[in-house]
């Protein structure tokens, strides 16, 4: 289960507040994507396959590869 943070709560987390504002915003978008994905999995019910995020697609320099809407590309697997 993922805890739901407001923008103010999220940007004050220890590992987030040290980042630049643009990086905080980017990380918040990733967080919201994860939250939406978690909710989607809960709605599907117990008879569905359990799909989980195992990471993000990265470039060679370890920067995230982003979609047009700025969200990360998740690498998923069935659990």
PDB file of N, CA and C in Angstrom:
ATOM      1  N   UNK A   1       0.841  -1.188   0.000  1.00  0.00           N
ATOM      2  CA  UNK A   1       0.000   0.000   0.000  1.00  0.00           C
ATOM      3  C   UNK A   1       0.880   1.243   0.000  1.00  0.00           C
ATOM      4  N   UNK A   2       0.513   2.198  -0.801  1.00  0.00           N
ATOM      5  CA  UNK A   2       1.265   3.439  -0.910  1.00  0.00           C
ATOM      6  C   UNK A   2       0.533   4.522  -0.128  1.00  0.00           C
ATOM      7  N   UNK A   3       1.284   5.247   0.710  1.00  0.00           N
ATOM      8  CA  UNK A   3       0.693   6.350   1.464  1.00  0.00           C
ATOM      9  C   UNK A   3       0.458   7.517   0.524  1.00  0.00           C
ATOM     10  N   UNK A   4      -0.687   8.184   0.661  1.00  0.00           N
ATOM     11  CA  UNK A   4      -1.012   9.309  -0.210  1.00  0.00           C
ATOM     12  C   UNK A   4      -0.493  10.610   0.394  1.00  0.00           C
ATOM     13  N   UNK A   5       0.439  11.249  -0.311  1.00  0.00           N
ATOM     14  CA  UNK A   5       1.005  12.523   0.121  1.00  0.00           C
ATOM     15  C   UNK A   5       0.454  13.657  -0.715  1.00  0.00           C
ATOM     16  N   UNK A   6       0.147  14.765  -0.062  1.00  0.00           N
ATOM     17  CA  UNK A   6      -0.155  15.984  -0.798  1.00  0.00           C
ATOM     18  C   UNK A   6       1.167  16.534  -1.327  1.00  0.00           C
ATOM     19  N   UNK A   7       1.105  17.515  -2.215  1.00  0.00           N
ATOM     20  CA  UNK A   7       2.326  18.111  -2.756  1.00  0.00           C
ATOM     21  C   UNK A   7       3.193  18.675  -1.627  1.00  0.00           C
ATOM     22  N   UNK A   8       2.588  19.382  -0.662  1.00  0.00           N
ATOM     23  CA  UNK A   8       3.355  19.953   0.459  1.00  0.00           C
ATOM     24  C   UNK A   8       4.022  18.861   1.277  1.00  0.00           C
ATOM     25  N   UNK A   9       3.316  17.797   1.577  1.00  0.00           N
ATOM     26  CA  UNK A   9       3.892  16.696   2.345  1.00  0.00           C
ATOM     27  C   UNK A   9       5.023  16.027   1.576  1.00  0.00           C
ATOM     28  N   UNK A  10       4.801  15.814   0.293  1.00  0.00           N
ATOM     29  CA  UNK A  10       5.792  15.131  -0.531  1.00  0.00           C
ATOM     30  C   UNK A  10       7.083  15.930  -0.616  1.00  0.00           C
ATOM     31  N   UNK A  11       6.978  17.230  -0.876  1.00  0.00           N
ATOM     32  CA  UNK A  11       8.200  18.020  -1.062  1.00  0.00           C
ATOM     33  C   UNK A  11       8.973  18.224   0.232  1.00  0.00           C
ATOM     34  N   UNK A  12       8.366  17.902   1.382  1.00  0.00           N
ATOM     35  CA  UNK A  12       9.061  18.005   2.661  1.00  0.00           C
ATOM     36  C   UNK A  12       9.641  16.673   3.144  1.00  0.00           C
ATOM     37  N   UNK A  13       9.506  15.605   2.351  1.00  0.00           N
ATOM     38  CA  UNK A  13      10.132  14.329   2.704  1.00  0.00           C
ATOM     39  C   UNK A  13      11.654  14.498   2.671  1.00  0.00           C
ATOM     40  N   UNK A  14      12.346  13.802   3.571  1.00  0.00           N
ATOM     41  CA  UNK A  14      13.798  13.960   3.704  1.00  0.00           C
ATOM     42  C   UNK A  14      14.549  13.804   2.389  1.00  0.00           C
ATOM     43  N   UNK A  15      14.230  12.770   1.619  1.00  0.00           N
ATOM     44  CA  UNK A  15      14.970  12.511   0.385  1.00  0.00           C
ATOM     45  C   UNK A  15      14.525  13.390  -0.779  1.00  0.00           C
ATOM     46  N   UNK A  16      13.444  14.151  -0.614  1.00  0.00           N
ATOM     47  CA  UNK A  16      12.928  15.010  -1.679  1.00  0.00           C
ATOM     48  C   UNK A  16      13.316  16.467  -1.469  1.00  0.00           C
ATOM     49  N   UNK A  17      13.284  16.932  -0.246  1.00  0.00           N
ATOM     50  CA  UNK A  17      13.513  18.360  -0.006  1.00  0.00           C
ATOM     51  C   UNK A  17      14.904  18.838  -0.393  1.00  0.00           C
ATOM     52  N   UNK A  18      15.851  17.920  -0.545  1.00  0.00           N
ATOM     53  CA  UNK A  18      17.210  18.295  -0.944  1.00  0.00           C
ATOM     54  C   UNK A  18      17.330  18.506  -2.449  1.00  0.00           C
ATOM     55  N   UNK A  19      16.321  18.095  -3.214  1.00  0.00           N
ATOM     56  CA  UNK A  19      16.347  18.199  -4.675  1.00  0.00           C
ATOM     57  C   UNK A  19      15.923  19.582  -5.139  1.00  0.00           C
ATOM     58  N   UNK A  20      16.274  19.924  -6.373  1.00  0.00           N
ATOM     59  CA  UNK A  20      15.808  21.182  -6.961  1.00  0.00           C
ATOM     60  C   UNK A  20      14.288  21.109  -7.136  1.00  0.00           C
ATOM     61  N   UNK A  21      13.664  22.254  -7.292  1.00  0.00           N
ATOM     62  CA  UNK A  21      12.204  22.273  -7.424  1.00  0.00           C
ATOM     63  C   UNK A  21      11.744  21.513  -8.670  1.00  0.00           C
ATOM     64  N   UNK A  22      12.458  21.656  -9.779  1.00  0.00           N
ATOM     65  CA  UNK A  22      12.053  20.939 -10.993  1.00  0.00           C
ATOM     66  C   UNK A  22      12.177  19.427 -10.797  1.00  0.00           C
ATOM     67  N   UNK A  23      13.210  18.980 -10.077  1.00  0.00           N
ATOM     68  CA  UNK A  23      13.358  17.545  -9.811  1.00  0.00           C
ATOM     69  C   UNK A  23      12.289  17.076  -8.826  1.00  0.00           C
ATOM     70  N   UNK A  24      11.912  17.915  -7.863  1.00  0.00           N
ATOM     71  CA  UNK A  24      10.828  17.573  -6.931  1.00  0.00           C
ATOM     72  C   UNK A  24       9.535  17.357  -7.705  1.00  0.00           C
ATOM     73  N   UNK A  25       9.258  18.243  -8.639  1.00  0.00           N
ATOM     74  CA  UNK A  25       8.043  18.136  -9.450  1.00  0.00           C
ATOM     75  C   UNK A  25       8.072  16.857 -10.270  1.00  0.00           C
ATOM     76  N   UNK A  26       9.212  16.554 -10.870  1.00  0.00           N
ATOM     77  CA  UNK A  26       9.356  15.336 -11.662  1.00  0.00           C
ATOM     78  C   UNK A  26       9.142  14.095 -10.803  1.00  0.00           C
ATOM     79  N   UNK A  27       9.730  14.083  -9.617  1.00  0.00           N
ATOM     80  CA  UNK A  27       9.577  12.940  -8.719  1.00  0.00           C
ATOM     81  C   UNK A  27       8.128  12.803  -8.250  1.00  0.00           C
ATOM     82  N   UNK A  28       7.441  13.938  -8.052  1.00  0.00           N
ATOM     83  CA  UNK A  28       6.034  13.896  -7.638  1.00  0.00           C
ATOM     84  C   UNK A  28       5.180  13.279  -8.740  1.00  0.00           C
ATOM     85  N   UNK A  29       5.491  13.581  -9.996  1.00  0.00           N
ATOM     86  CA  UNK A  29       4.764  12.956 -11.110  1.00  0.00           C
ATOM     87  C   UNK A  29       4.970  11.443 -11.106  1.00  0.00           C
ATOM     88  N   UNK A  30       6.201  10.991 -10.856  1.00  0.00           N
ATOM     89  CA  UNK A  30       6.461   9.553 -10.763  1.00  0.00           C
ATOM     90  C   UNK A  30       5.672   8.941  -9.617  1.00  0.00           C
ATOM     91  N   UNK A  31       5.641   9.645  -8.488  1.00  0.00           N
ATOM     92  CA  UNK A  31       4.890   9.174  -7.318  1.00  0.00           C
ATOM     93  C   UNK A  31       3.403   9.044  -7.665  1.00  0.00           C
ATOM     94  N   UNK A  32       2.831  10.058  -8.325  1.00  0.00           N
ATOM     95  CA  UNK A  32       1.414  10.013  -8.686  1.00  0.00           C
ATOM     96  C   UNK A  32       1.137   8.877  -9.663  1.00  0.00           C
ATOM     97  N   UNK A  33       2.066   8.626 -10.595  1.00  0.00           N
ATOM     98  CA  UNK A  33       1.906   7.493 -11.514  1.00  0.00           C
ATOM     99  C   UNK A  33       1.878   6.174 -10.749  1.00  0.00           C
ATOM    100  N   UNK A  34       2.779   6.029  -9.774  1.00  0.00           N
ATOM    101  CA  UNK A  34       2.816   4.808  -8.963  1.00  0.00           C
ATOM    102  C   UNK A  34       1.532   4.635  -8.175  1.00  0.00           C
ATOM    103  N   UNK A  35       1.036   5.735  -7.617  1.00  0.00           N
ATOM    104  CA  UNK A  35      -0.202   5.702  -6.850  1.00  0.00           C
ATOM    105  C   UNK A  35      -1.373   5.289  -7.737  1.00  0.00           C
ATOM    106  N   UNK A  36      -1.458   5.850  -8.934  1.00  0.00           N
ATOM    107  CA  UNK A  36      -2.534   5.498  -9.865  1.00  0.00           C
ATOM    108  C   UNK A  36      -2.433   4.024 -10.262  1.00  0.00           C
ATOM    109  N   UNK A  37      -1.217   3.547 -10.480  1.00  0.00           N
ATOM    110  CA  UNK A  37      -1.019   2.145 -10.841  1.00  0.00           C
ATOM    111  C   UNK A  37      -1.438   1.227  -9.699  1.00  0.00           C
ATOM    112  N   UNK A  38      -1.112   1.599  -8.479  1.00  0.00           N
ATOM    113  CA  UNK A  38      -1.495   0.808  -7.305  1.00  0.00           C
ATOM    114  C   UNK A  38      -3.018   0.742  -7.173  1.00  0.00           C
ATOM    115  N   UNK A  39      -3.676   1.865  -7.386  1.00  0.00           N
ATOM    116  CA  UNK A  39      -5.143   1.885  -7.318  1.00  0.00           C
ATOM    117  C   UNK A  39      -5.748   1.021  -8.415  1.00  0.00           C
ATOM    118  N   UNK A  40      -5.170   1.077  -9.592  1.00  0.00           N
ATOM    119  CA  UNK A  40      -5.663   0.267 -10.707  1.00  0.00           C
ATOM    120  C   UNK A  40      -5.572  -1.215 -10.369  1.00  0.00           C
ATOM    121  N   UNK A  41      -4.466  -1.624  -9.784  1.00  0.00           N
ATOM    122  CA  UNK A  41      -4.304  -3.030  -9.406  1.00  0.00           C
ATOM    123  C   UNK A  41      -5.324  -3.432  -8.355  1.00  0.00           C
ATOM    124  N   UNK A  42      -5.670  -2.550  -7.428  1.00  0.00           N
ATOM    125  CA  UNK A  42      -6.635  -2.874  -6.380  1.00  0.00           C
ATOM    126  C   UNK A  42      -8.025  -3.054  -6.962  1.00  0.00           C
ATOM    127  N   UNK A  43      -8.369  -2.275  -7.983  1.00  0.00           N
ATOM    128  CA  UNK A  43      -9.696  -2.337  -8.582  1.00  0.00           C
ATOM    129  C   UNK A  43      -9.888  -3.629  -9.374  1.00  0.00           C
ATOM    130  N   UNK A  44      -8.809  -4.171  -9.930  1.00  0.00           N
ATOM    131  CA  UNK A  44      -8.919  -5.365 -10.761  1.00  0.00           C
ATOM    132  C   UNK A  44      -9.366  -6.591  -9.979  1.00  0.00           C
ATOM    133  N   UNK A  45      -9.154  -6.643  -8.689  1.00  0.00           N
ATOM    134  CA  UNK A  45      -9.641  -7.748  -7.888  1.00  0.00           C
ATOM    135  C   UNK A  45      -8.648  -8.878  -7.734  1.00  0.00           C
ATOM    136  N   UNK A  46      -8.988  -9.859  -6.896  1.00  0.00           N
ATOM    137  CA  UNK A  46      -8.063 -10.919  -6.534  1.00  0.00           C
ATOM    138  C   UNK A  46      -7.810 -11.956  -7.630  1.00  0.00           C
ATOM    139  N   UNK A  47      -8.633 -12.033  -8.662  1.00  0.00           N
ATOM    140  CA  UNK A  47      -8.486 -13.070  -9.679  1.00  0.00           C
ATOM    141  C   UNK A  47      -7.556 -12.663 -10.812  1.00  0.00           C
ATOM    142  N   UNK A  48      -7.073 -11.444 -10.782  1.00  0.00           N
ATOM    143  CA  UNK A  48      -6.202 -10.996 -11.861  1.00  0.00           C
ATOM    144  C   UNK A  48      -4.742 -11.321 -11.544  1.00  0.00           C
ATOM    145  N   UNK A  49      -3.903 -11.336 -12.569  1.00  0.00           N
ATOM    146  CA  UNK A  49      -2.472 -11.504 -12.355  1.00  0.00           C
ATOM    147  C   UNK A  49      -1.941 -10.256 -11.660  1.00  0.00           C
ATOM    148  N   UNK A  50      -0.978 -10.442 -10.794  1.00  0.00           N
ATOM    149  CA  UNK A  50      -0.434  -9.327 -10.039  1.00  0.00           C
ATOM    150  C   UNK A  50       0.738  -8.723 -10.806  1.00  0.00           C
ATOM    151  N   UNK A  51       0.541  -7.555 -11.383  1.00  0.00           N
ATOM    152  CA  UNK A  51       1.570  -6.865 -12.127  1.00  0.00           C
ATOM    153  C   UNK A  51       2.226  -5.856 -11.195  1.00  0.00           C
ATOM    154  N   UNK A  52       3.555  -5.872 -11.132  1.00  0.00           N
ATOM    155  CA  UNK A  52       4.237  -4.956 -10.223  1.00  0.00           C
ATOM    156  C   UNK A  52       5.334  -4.199 -10.957  1.00  0.00           C
ATOM    157  N   UNK A  53       5.574  -2.958 -10.519  1.00  0.00           N
ATOM    158  CA  UNK A  53       6.671  -2.172 -11.064  1.00  0.00           C
ATOM    159  C   UNK A  53       7.968  -2.655 -10.444  1.00  0.00           C
ATOM    160  N   UNK A  54       8.951  -2.894 -11.286  1.00  0.00           N
ATOM    161  CA  UNK A  54      10.247  -3.340 -10.778  1.00  0.00           C
ATOM    162  C   UNK A  54      11.336  -2.310 -11.052  1.00  0.00           C
ATOM    163  N   UNK A  55      10.999  -1.223 -11.720  1.00  0.00           N
ATOM    164  CA  UNK A  55      11.976  -0.180 -11.979  1.00  0.00           C
ATOM    165  C   UNK A  55      11.529   0.726 -13.112  1.00  0.00           C
ATOM    166  N   UNK A  56      12.433   1.594 -13.521  1.00  0.00           N
ATOM    167  CA  UNK A  56      12.179   2.516 -14.614  1.00  0.00           C
ATOM    168  C   UNK A  56      13.164   2.241 -15.742  1.00  0.00           C
ATOM    169  N   UNK A  57      12.764   2.536 -16.957  1.00  0.00           N
ATOM    170  CA  UNK A  57      13.637   2.422 -18.104  1.00  0.00           C
ATOM    171  C   UNK A  57      14.628   3.578 -18.056  1.00  0.00           C
ATOM    172  N   UNK A  58      15.924   3.271 -18.112  1.00  0.00           N
ATOM    173  CA  UNK A  58      16.968   4.280 -17.976  1.00  0.00           C
ATOM    174  C   UNK A  58      17.813   4.375 -19.236  1.00  0.00           C
ATOM    175  N   UNK A  59      18.399   5.562 -19.422  1.00  0.00           N
ATOM    176  CA  UNK A  59      19.381   5.758 -20.476  1.00  0.00           C
ATOM    177  C   UNK A  59      20.734   5.245 -19.983  1.00  0.00           C
ATOM    178  N   UNK A  60      21.736   5.248 -20.848  1.00  0.00           N
ATOM    179  CA  UNK A  60      23.057   4.782 -20.464  1.00  0.00           C
ATOM    180  C   UNK A  60      23.667   5.607 -19.337  1.00  0.00           C
ATOM    181  N   UNK A  61      23.306   6.907 -19.258  1.00  0.00           N
ATOM    182  CA  UNK A  61      23.842   7.765 -18.196  1.00  0.00           C
ATOM    183  C   UNK A  61      22.972   7.715 -16.937  1.00  0.00           C
ATOM    184  N   UNK A  62      22.059   6.746 -16.874  1.00  0.00           N
ATOM    185  CA  UNK A  62      21.171   6.490 -15.738  1.00  0.00           C
ATOM    186  C   UNK A  62      20.093   7.554 -15.533  1.00  0.00           C
ATOM    187  N   UNK A  63      19.883   8.435 -16.505  1.00  0.00           N
ATOM    188  CA  UNK A  63      18.752   9.348 -16.454  1.00  0.00           C
ATOM    189  C   UNK A  63      17.515   8.614 -16.956  1.00  0.00           C
ATOM    190  N   UNK A  64      16.381   8.985 -16.410  1.00  0.00           N
ATOM    191  CA  UNK A  64      15.132   8.338 -16.807  1.00  0.00           C
ATOM    192  C   UNK A  64      14.765   8.676 -18.242  1.00  0.00           C
ATOM    193  N   UNK A  65      14.200   7.716 -18.943  1.00  0.00           N
ATOM    194  CA  UNK A  65      13.613   7.965 -20.248  1.00  0.00           C
ATOM    195  C   UNK A  65      12.166   8.347 -19.983  1.00  0.00           C
ATOM    196  N   UNK A  66      11.765   9.528 -20.443  1.00  0.00           N
ATOM    197  CA  UNK A  66      10.438  10.040 -20.134  1.00  0.00           C
ATOM    198  C   UNK A  66       9.503   9.933 -21.325  1.00  0.00           C
ATOM    199  N   UNK A  67       8.218   9.774 -21.022  1.00  0.00           N
ATOM    200  CA  UNK A  67       7.181   9.821 -22.037  1.00  0.00           C
ATOM    201  C   UNK A  67       6.878  11.281 -22.341  1.00  0.00           C
ATOM    202  N   UNK A  68       6.045  11.531 -23.334  1.00  0.00           N
ATOM    203  CA  UNK A  68       5.720  12.899 -23.721  1.00  0.00           C
ATOM    204  C   UNK A  68       5.071  13.682 -22.591  1.00  0.00           C
ATOM    205  N   UNK A  69       4.345  13.010 -21.698  1.00  0.00           N
ATOM    206  CA  UNK A  69       3.682  13.703 -20.595  1.00  0.00           C
ATOM    207  C   UNK A  69       4.605  13.887 -19.387  1.00  0.00           C
ATOM    208  N   UNK A  70       5.872  13.494 -19.509  1.00  0.00           N
ATOM    209  CA  UNK A  70       6.829  13.680 -18.426  1.00  0.00           C
ATOM    210  C   UNK A  70       6.891  12.546 -17.432  1.00  0.00           C
ATOM    211  N   UNK A  71       6.073  11.515 -17.613  1.00  0.00           N
ATOM    212  CA  UNK A  71       6.100  10.399 -16.674  1.00  0.00           C
ATOM    213  C   UNK A  71       7.135   9.374 -17.108  1.00  0.00           C
ATOM    214  N   UNK A  72       7.628   8.618 -16.144  1.00  0.00           N
ATOM    215  CA  UNK A  72       8.626   7.596 -16.431  1.00  0.00           C
ATOM    216  C   UNK A  72       8.019   6.391 -17.110  1.00  0.00           C
ATOM    217  N   UNK A  73       8.871   5.607 -17.730  1.00  0.00           N
ATOM    218  CA  UNK A  73       8.441   4.362 -18.361  1.00  0.00           C
ATOM    219  C   UNK A  73       8.768   3.235 -17.398  1.00  0.00           C
ATOM    220  N   UNK A  74       7.747   2.616 -16.868  1.00  0.00           N
ATOM    221  CA  UNK A  74       7.922   1.569 -15.873  1.00  0.00           C
ATOM    222  C   UNK A  74       8.336   0.245 -16.524  1.00  0.00           C
ATOM    223  N   UNK A  75       9.177  -0.480 -15.844  1.00  0.00           N
ATOM    224  CA  UNK A  75       9.473  -1.865 -16.190  1.00  0.00           C
ATOM    225  C   UNK A  75       8.623  -2.695 -15.239  1.00  0.00           C
ATOM    226  N   UNK A  76       7.785  -3.566 -15.796  1.00  0.00           N
ATOM    227  CA  UNK A  76       6.863  -4.331 -14.959  1.00  0.00           C
ATOM    228  C   UNK A  76       7.111  -5.823 -15.108  1.00  0.00           C
ATOM    229  N   UNK A  77       6.635  -6.564 -14.121  1.00  0.00           N
ATOM    230  CA  UNK A  77       6.714  -8.019 -14.195  1.00  0.00           C
ATOM    231  C   UNK A  77       5.529  -8.594 -13.438  1.00  0.00           C
ATOM    232  N   UNK A  78       5.191  -9.829 -13.762  1.00  0.00           N
ATOM    233  CA  UNK A  78       4.103 -10.491 -13.055  1.00  0.00           C
ATOM    234  C   UNK A  78       4.652 -11.164 -11.806  1.00  0.00           C
ATOM    235  N   UNK A  79       3.943 -10.981 -10.675  1.00  0.00           N
ATOM    236  CA  UNK A  79       4.384 -11.577  -9.422  1.00  0.00           C
ATOM    237  C   UNK A  79       3.658 -12.870  -9.175  1.00  0.00           C
TER     238      UNK A  79
END
